[in-house]
Amino acid sequence: MINMAKHKNYTTSVSLSNVARNKLIALANMEEITQKELLNKLIDKEIDQLNSKDKGIYAYILKAIEIKDEFRNKKER
């Protein structure tokens, strides 16, 4: 699999509707975690629920995104 330790951890913004934002805040408060931690937890849960074929597709897409980011970072240097 992909060695994430070699890659920088970027922060990005996500646009949410007010309703989705409020739900995120409420769930994060209930679980006593940050909104960022909750989003990561929800994403991991969704990935775990993928079937093996979709997990393979997901891995290829993720690798392509990482290669693109790495290329962009080298280009910026």
PDB file of N, CA and C in Angstrom:
ATOM      1  N   MET A   1       0.840  -1.192   0.000  1.00  0.00           N
ATOM      2  CA  MET A   1       0.000   0.000   0.000  1.00  0.00           C
ATOM      3  C   MET A   1       0.876   1.242   0.000  1.00  0.00           C
ATOM      4  N   ILE A   2       0.285   2.375   0.137  1.00  0.00           N
ATOM      5  CA  ILE A   2       0.954   3.656   0.023  1.00  0.00           C
ATOM      6  C   ILE A   2       1.596   4.039   1.350  1.00  0.00           C
ATOM      7  N   ASN A   3       2.868   4.463   1.317  1.00  0.00           N
ATOM      8  CA  ASN A   3       3.550   4.915   2.526  1.00  0.00           C
ATOM      9  C   ASN A   3       3.242   6.388   2.737  1.00  0.00           C
ATOM     10  N   MET A   4       2.283   6.662   3.619  1.00  0.00           N
ATOM     11  CA  MET A   4       1.839   8.038   3.848  1.00  0.00           C
ATOM     12  C   MET A   4       2.864   8.852   4.625  1.00  0.00           C
ATOM     13  N   ALA A   5       3.810   8.204   5.301  1.00  0.00           N
ATOM     14  CA  ALA A   5       4.795   8.930   6.096  1.00  0.00           C
ATOM     15  C   ALA A   5       5.688   9.795   5.212  1.00  0.00           C
ATOM     16  N   LYS A   6       5.852   9.426   3.954  1.00  0.00           N
ATOM     17  CA  LYS A   6       6.703  10.198   3.051  1.00  0.00           C
ATOM     18  C   LYS A   6       6.021  11.461   2.557  1.00  0.00           C
ATOM     19  N   HIS A   7       4.731  11.536   2.667  1.00  0.00           N
ATOM     20  CA  HIS A   7       3.974  12.636   2.097  1.00  0.00           C
ATOM     21  C   HIS A   7       3.622  13.672   3.150  1.00  0.00           C
ATOM     22  N   LYS A   8       3.625  14.927   2.728  1.00  0.00           N
ATOM     23  CA  LYS A   8       3.198  15.992   3.629  1.00  0.00           C
ATOM     24  C   LYS A   8       1.700  15.863   3.866  1.00  0.00           C
ATOM     25  N   ASN A   9       1.264  16.296   5.023  1.00  0.00           N
ATOM     26  CA  ASN A   9      -0.155  16.255   5.359  1.00  0.00           C
ATOM     27  C   ASN A   9      -0.726  17.646   5.137  1.00  0.00           C
ATOM     28  N   TYR A  10      -1.477  17.799   4.089  1.00  0.00           N
ATOM     29  CA  TYR A  10      -2.032  19.092   3.737  1.00  0.00           C
ATOM     30  C   TYR A  10      -3.401  19.280   4.372  1.00  0.00           C
ATOM     31  N   THR A  11      -3.735  20.525   4.643  1.00  0.00           N
ATOM     32  CA  THR A  11      -5.069  20.871   5.110  1.00  0.00           C
ATOM     33  C   THR A  11      -5.784  21.559   3.969  1.00  0.00           C
ATOM     34  N   THR A  12      -7.013  21.190   3.745  1.00  0.00           N
ATOM     35  CA  THR A  12      -7.807  21.792   2.685  1.00  0.00           C
ATOM     36  C   THR A  12      -9.143  22.220   3.270  1.00  0.00           C
ATOM     37  N   SER A  13      -9.842  23.057   2.555  1.00  0.00           N
ATOM     38  CA  SER A  13     -11.155  23.486   3.034  1.00  0.00           C
ATOM     39  C   SER A  13     -12.243  22.753   2.257  1.00  0.00           C
ATOM     40  N   VAL A  14     -13.377  22.603   2.893  1.00  0.00           N
ATOM     41  CA  VAL A  14     -14.521  21.935   2.286  1.00  0.00           C
ATOM     42  C   VAL A  14     -15.728  22.829   2.477  1.00  0.00           C
ATOM     43  N   SER A  15     -16.490  23.042   1.418  1.00  0.00           N
ATOM     44  CA  SER A  15     -17.714  23.837   1.522  1.00  0.00           C
ATOM     45  C   SER A  15     -18.873  22.931   1.906  1.00  0.00           C
ATOM     46  N   LEU A  16     -19.584  23.317   2.949  1.00  0.00           N
ATOM     47  CA  LEU A  16     -20.742  22.557   3.407  1.00  0.00           C
ATOM     48  C   LEU A  16     -21.944  23.479   3.486  1.00  0.00           C
ATOM     49  N   SER A  17     -23.113  22.912   3.318  1.00  0.00           N
ATOM     50  CA  SER A  17     -24.326  23.692   3.570  1.00  0.00           C
ATOM     51  C   SER A  17     -24.402  23.951   5.073  1.00  0.00           C
ATOM     52  N   ASN A  18     -25.201  24.927   5.467  1.00  0.00           N
ATOM     53  CA  ASN A  18     -25.361  25.210   6.897  1.00  0.00           C
ATOM     54  C   ASN A  18     -25.900  23.997   7.642  1.00  0.00           C
ATOM     55  N   VAL A  19     -26.811  23.268   7.006  1.00  0.00           N
ATOM     56  CA  VAL A  19     -27.397  22.086   7.641  1.00  0.00           C
ATOM     57  C   VAL A  19     -26.314  21.030   7.875  1.00  0.00           C
ATOM     58  N   ALA A  20     -25.511  20.750   6.854  1.00  0.00           N
ATOM     59  CA  ALA A  20     -24.444  19.755   6.994  1.00  0.00           C
ATOM     60  C   ALA A  20     -23.411  20.212   8.021  1.00  0.00           C
ATOM     61  N   ARG A  21     -23.092  21.495   8.015  1.00  0.00           N
ATOM     62  CA  ARG A  21     -22.136  22.056   8.974  1.00  0.00           C
ATOM     63  C   ARG A  21     -22.643  21.866  10.398  1.00  0.00           C
ATOM     64  N   ASN A  22     -23.912  22.180  10.624  1.00  0.00           N
ATOM     65  CA  ASN A  22     -24.489  22.042  11.959  1.00  0.00           C
ATOM     66  C   ASN A  22     -24.505  20.585  12.416  1.00  0.00           C
ATOM     67  N   LYS A  23     -24.800  19.671  11.487  1.00  0.00           N
ATOM     68  CA  LYS A  23     -24.779  18.246  11.819  1.00  0.00           C
ATOM     69  C   LYS A  23     -23.367  17.805  12.207  1.00  0.00           C
ATOM     70  N   LEU A  24     -22.385  18.287  11.453  1.00  0.00           N
ATOM     71  CA  LEU A  24     -20.989  17.954  11.738  1.00  0.00           C
ATOM     72  C   LEU A  24     -20.586  18.453  13.122  1.00  0.00           C
ATOM     73  N   ILE A  25     -20.939  19.685  13.427  1.00  0.00           N
ATOM     74  CA  ILE A  25     -20.621  20.264  14.733  1.00  0.00           C
ATOM     75  C   ILE A  25     -21.291  19.464  15.849  1.00  0.00           C
ATOM     76  N   ALA A  26     -22.574  19.128  15.669  1.00  0.00           N
ATOM     77  CA  ALA A  26     -23.312  18.385  16.693  1.00  0.00           C
ATOM     78  C   ALA A  26     -22.702  17.003  16.925  1.00  0.00           C
ATOM     79  N   LEU A  27     -22.404  16.283  15.842  1.00  0.00           N
ATOM     80  CA  LEU A  27     -21.810  14.950  15.989  1.00  0.00           C
ATOM     81  C   LEU A  27     -20.436  15.016  16.644  1.00  0.00           C
ATOM     82  N   ALA A  28     -19.633  15.988  16.233  1.00  0.00           N
ATOM     83  CA  ALA A  28     -18.297  16.137  16.819  1.00  0.00           C
ATOM     84  C   ALA A  28     -18.396  16.435  18.312  1.00  0.00           C
ATOM     85  N   ASN A  29     -19.337  17.293  18.677  1.00  0.00           N
ATOM     86  CA  ASN A  29     -19.519  17.606  20.098  1.00  0.00           C
ATOM     87  C   ASN A  29     -19.982  16.386  20.885  1.00  0.00           C
ATOM     88  N   MET A  30     -20.891  15.599  20.307  1.00  0.00           N
ATOM     89  CA  MET A  30     -21.368  14.385  20.980  1.00  0.00           C
ATOM     90  C   MET A  30     -20.226  13.406  21.232  1.00  0.00           C
ATOM     91  N   GLU A  31     -19.356  13.257  20.244  1.00  0.00           N
ATOM     92  CA  GLU A  31     -18.252  12.300  20.358  1.00  0.00           C
ATOM     93  C   GLU A  31     -17.036  12.911  21.042  1.00  0.00           C
ATOM     94  N   GLU A  32     -17.120  14.201  21.367  1.00  0.00           N
ATOM     95  CA  GLU A  32     -16.036  14.930  22.021  1.00  0.00           C
ATOM     96  C   GLU A  32     -14.728  14.826  21.246  1.00  0.00           C
ATOM     97  N   ILE A  33     -14.844  15.032  19.924  1.00  0.00           N
ATOM     98  CA  ILE A  33     -13.678  15.082  19.045  1.00  0.00           C
ATOM     99  C   ILE A  33     -13.819  16.310  18.157  1.00  0.00           C
ATOM    100  N   THR A  34     -12.737  16.663  17.462  1.00  0.00           N
ATOM    101  CA  THR A  34     -12.801  17.816  16.569  1.00  0.00           C
ATOM    102  C   THR A  34     -13.565  17.451  15.302  1.00  0.00           C
ATOM    103  N   GLN A  35     -14.005  18.459  14.589  1.00  0.00           N
ATOM    104  CA  GLN A  35     -14.698  18.227  13.320  1.00  0.00           C
ATOM    105  C   GLN A  35     -13.771  17.512  12.339  1.00  0.00           C
ATOM    106  N   LYS A  36     -12.497  17.884  12.347  1.00  0.00           N
ATOM    107  CA  LYS A  36     -11.510  17.248  11.472  1.00  0.00           C
ATOM    108  C   LYS A  36     -11.375  15.759  11.815  1.00  0.00           C
ATOM    109  N   GLU A  37     -11.298  15.448  13.112  1.00  0.00           N
ATOM    110  CA  GLU A  37     -11.201  14.049  13.535  1.00  0.00           C
ATOM    111  C   GLU A  37     -12.451  13.269  13.135  1.00  0.00           C
ATOM    112  N   LEU A  38     -13.612  13.898  13.265  1.00  0.00           N
ATOM    113  CA  LEU A  38     -14.862  13.239  12.894  1.00  0.00           C
ATOM    114  C   LEU A  38     -14.904  12.955  11.396  1.00  0.00           C
ATOM    115  N   LEU A  39     -14.514  13.924  10.585  1.00  0.00           N
ATOM    116  CA  LEU A  39     -14.493  13.700   9.132  1.00  0.00           C
ATOM    117  C   LEU A  39     -13.547  12.558   8.778  1.00  0.00           C
ATOM    118  N   ASN A  40     -12.365  12.532   9.391  1.00  0.00           N
ATOM    119  CA  ASN A  40     -11.423  11.440   9.139  1.00  0.00           C
ATOM    120  C   ASN A  40     -12.024  10.097   9.533  1.00  0.00           C
ATOM    121  N   LYS A  41     -12.699  10.064  10.667  1.00  0.00           N
ATOM    122  CA  LYS A  41     -13.336   8.833  11.148  1.00  0.00           C
ATOM    123  C   LYS A  41     -14.426   8.369  10.177  1.00  0.00           C
ATOM    124  N   LEU A  42     -15.247   9.309   9.708  1.00  0.00           N
ATOM    125  CA  LEU A  42     -16.319   8.966   8.770  1.00  0.00           C
ATOM    126  C   LEU A  42     -15.765   8.484   7.438  1.00  0.00           C
ATOM    127  N   ILE A  43     -14.706   9.126   6.971  1.00  0.00           N
ATOM    128  CA  ILE A  43     -14.076   8.712   5.713  1.00  0.00           C
ATOM    129  C   ILE A  43     -13.518   7.299   5.850  1.00  0.00           C
ATOM    130  N   ASP A  44     -12.794   7.044   6.945  1.00  0.00           N
ATOM    131  CA  ASP A  44     -12.236   5.705   7.172  1.00  0.00           C
ATOM    132  C   ASP A  44     -13.340   4.650   7.239  1.00  0.00           C
ATOM    133  N   LYS A  45     -14.454   4.994   7.877  1.00  0.00           N
ATOM    134  CA  LYS A  45     -15.587   4.066   7.976  1.00  0.00           C
ATOM    135  C   LYS A  45     -16.136   3.747   6.582  1.00  0.00           C
ATOM    136  N   GLU A  46     -16.268   4.766   5.738  1.00  0.00           N
ATOM    137  CA  GLU A  46     -16.764   4.552   4.373  1.00  0.00           C
ATOM    138  C   GLU A  46     -15.802   3.674   3.576  1.00  0.00           C
ATOM    139  N   ILE A  47     -14.508   3.909   3.723  1.00  0.00           N
ATOM    140  CA  ILE A  47     -13.508   3.107   3.009  1.00  0.00           C
ATOM    141  C   ILE A  47     -13.587   1.651   3.456  1.00  0.00           C
ATOM    142  N   ASP A  48     -13.719   1.430   4.765  1.00  0.00           N
ATOM    143  CA  ASP A  48     -13.816   0.066   5.296  1.00  0.00           C
ATOM    144  C   ASP A  48     -15.025  -0.681   4.743  1.00  0.00           C
ATOM    145  N   GLN A  49     -16.083   0.038   4.393  1.00  0.00           N
ATOM    146  CA  GLN A  49     -17.309  -0.596   3.909  1.00  0.00           C
ATOM    147  C   GLN A  49     -17.283  -0.893   2.403  1.00  0.00           C
ATOM    148  N   LEU A  50     -16.249  -0.445   1.703  1.00  0.00           N
ATOM    149  CA  LEU A  50     -16.154  -0.720   0.270  1.00  0.00           C
ATOM    150  C   LEU A  50     -15.911  -2.201   0.035  1.00  0.00           C
ATOM    151  N   ASN A  51     -16.459  -2.713  -1.075  1.00  0.00           N
ATOM    152  CA  ASN A  51     -16.147  -4.093  -1.431  1.00  0.00           C
ATOM    153  C   ASN A  51     -14.732  -4.130  -2.012  1.00  0.00           C
ATOM    154  N   SER A  52     -14.185  -5.319  -2.200  1.00  0.00           N
ATOM    155  CA  SER A  52     -12.783  -5.440  -2.609  1.00  0.00           C
ATOM    156  C   SER A  52     -12.510  -4.779  -3.956  1.00  0.00           C
ATOM    157  N   LYS A  53     -13.436  -4.877  -4.893  1.00  0.00           N
ATOM    158  CA  LYS A  53     -13.248  -4.241  -6.202  1.00  0.00           C
ATOM    159  C   LYS A  53     -13.179  -2.723  -6.046  1.00  0.00           C
ATOM    160  N   ASP A  54     -14.111  -2.157  -5.290  1.00  0.00           N
ATOM    161  CA  ASP A  54     -14.126  -0.711  -5.091  1.00  0.00           C
ATOM    162  C   ASP A  54     -12.919  -0.240  -4.283  1.00  0.00           C
ATOM    163  N   LYS A  55     -12.439  -1.066  -3.343  1.00  0.00           N
ATOM    164  CA  LYS A  55     -11.228  -0.708  -2.595  1.00  0.00           C
ATOM    165  C   LYS A  55     -10.034  -0.618  -3.533  1.00  0.00           C
ATOM    166  N   GLY A  56      -9.982  -1.513  -4.515  1.00  0.00           N
ATOM    167  CA  GLY A  56      -8.908  -1.464  -5.508  1.00  0.00           C
ATOM    168  C   GLY A  56      -8.979  -0.198  -6.339  1.00  0.00           C
ATOM    169  N   ILE A  57     -10.177   0.144  -6.783  1.00  0.00           N
ATOM    170  CA  ILE A  57     -10.373   1.378  -7.552  1.00  0.00           C
ATOM    171  C   ILE A  57      -9.996   2.580  -6.700  1.00  0.00           C
ATOM    172  N   TYR A  58     -10.433   2.580  -5.450  1.00  0.00           N
ATOM    173  CA  TYR A  58     -10.106   3.667  -4.519  1.00  0.00           C
ATOM    174  C   TYR A  58      -8.586   3.811  -4.381  1.00  0.00           C
ATOM    175  N   ALA A  59      -7.883   2.696  -4.224  1.00  0.00           N
ATOM    176  CA  ALA A  59      -6.428   2.733  -4.057  1.00  0.00           C
ATOM    177  C   ALA A  59      -5.752   3.335  -5.284  1.00  0.00           C
ATOM    178  N   TYR A  60      -6.210   2.985  -6.478  1.00  0.00           N
ATOM    179  CA  TYR A  60      -5.635   3.548  -7.699  1.00  0.00           C
ATOM    180  C   TYR A  60      -5.888   5.051  -7.795  1.00  0.00           C
ATOM    181  N   ILE A  61      -7.094   5.475  -7.471  1.00  0.00           N
ATOM    182  CA  ILE A  61      -7.424   6.907  -7.514  1.00  0.00           C
ATOM    183  C   ILE A  61      -6.586   7.665  -6.495  1.00  0.00           C
ATOM    184  N   LEU A  62      -6.485   7.128  -5.281  1.00  0.00           N
ATOM    185  CA  LEU A  62      -5.691   7.775  -4.233  1.00  0.00           C
ATOM    186  C   LEU A  62      -4.231   7.890  -4.654  1.00  0.00           C
ATOM    187  N   LYS A  63      -3.679   6.835  -5.224  1.00  0.00           N
ATOM    188  CA  LYS A  63      -2.287   6.859  -5.684  1.00  0.00           C
ATOM    189  C   LYS A  63      -2.104   7.914  -6.769  1.00  0.00           C
ATOM    190  N   ALA A  64      -3.053   8.023  -7.692  1.00  0.00           N
ATOM    191  CA  ALA A  64      -2.968   9.030  -8.756  1.00  0.00           C
ATOM    192  C   ALA A  64      -2.979  10.441  -8.174  1.00  0.00           C
ATOM    193  N   ILE A  65      -3.805  10.667  -7.173  1.00  0.00           N
ATOM    194  CA  ILE A  65      -3.865  11.981  -6.526  1.00  0.00           C
ATOM    195  C   ILE A  65      -2.535  12.288  -5.848  1.00  0.00           C
ATOM    196  N   GLU A  66      -1.961  11.301  -5.166  1.00  0.00           N
ATOM    197  CA  GLU A  66      -0.681  11.500  -4.485  1.00  0.00           C
ATOM    198  C   GLU A  66       0.440  11.780  -5.477  1.00  0.00           C
ATOM    199  N   ILE A  67       0.437  11.083  -6.612  1.00  0.00           N
ATOM    200  CA  ILE A  67       1.446  11.330  -7.645  1.00  0.00           C
ATOM    201  C   ILE A  67       1.301  12.743  -8.188  1.00  0.00           C
ATOM    202  N   LYS A  68       0.074  13.168  -8.435  1.00  0.00           N
ATOM    203  CA  LYS A  68      -0.181  14.527  -8.919  1.00  0.00           C
ATOM    204  C   LYS A  68       0.315  15.559  -7.914  1.00  0.00           C
ATOM    205  N   ASP A  69       0.010  15.356  -6.641  1.00  0.00           N
ATOM    206  CA  ASP A  69       0.461  16.284  -5.603  1.00  0.00           C
ATOM    207  C   ASP A  69       1.981  16.326  -5.514  1.00  0.00           C
ATOM    208  N   GLU A  70       2.611  15.161  -5.596  1.00  0.00           N
ATOM    209  CA  GLU A  70       4.070  15.088  -5.540  1.00  0.00           C
ATOM    210  C   GLU A  70       4.685  15.825  -6.726  1.00  0.00           C
ATOM    211  N   PHE A  71       4.125  15.627  -7.906  1.00  0.00           N
ATOM    212  CA  PHE A  71       4.611  16.310  -9.102  1.00  0.00           C
ATOM    213  C   PHE A  71       4.468  17.821  -8.951  1.00  0.00           C
ATOM    214  N   ARG A  72       3.321  18.264  -8.459  1.00  0.00           N
ATOM    215  CA  ARG A  72       3.073  19.695  -8.265  1.00  0.00           C
ATOM    216  C   ARG A  72       4.056  20.281  -7.250  1.00  0.00           C
ATOM    217  N   ASN A  73       4.323  19.549  -6.179  1.00  0.00           N
ATOM    218  CA  ASN A  73       5.252  20.029  -5.157  1.00  0.00           C
ATOM    219  C   ASN A  73       6.670  20.143  -5.691  1.00  0.00           C
ATOM    220  N   LYS A  74       7.098  19.178  -6.504  1.00  0.00           N
ATOM    221  CA  LYS A  74       8.429  19.245  -7.103  1.00  0.00           C
ATOM    222  C   LYS A  74       8.516  20.405  -8.073  1.00  0.00           C
ATOM    223  N   LYS A  75       7.436  20.658  -8.792  1.00  0.00           N
ATOM    224  CA  LYS A  75       7.392  21.745  -9.765  1.00  0.00           C
ATOM    225  C   LYS A  75       7.491  23.106  -9.072  1.00  0.00           C
ATOM    226  N   GLU A  76       6.910  23.226  -7.867  1.00  0.00           N
ATOM    227  CA  GLU A  76       6.913  24.486  -7.127  1.00  0.00           C
ATOM    228  C   GLU A  76       8.273  24.799  -6.523  1.00  0.00           C
ATOM    229  N   ARG A  77       9.131  23.818  -6.354  1.00  0.00           N
ATOM    230  CA  ARG A  77      10.450  24.030  -5.737  1.00  0.00           C
ATOM    231  C   ARG A  77      11.382  24.730  -6.629  1.00  0.00           C
TER     232      ARG A  77
END
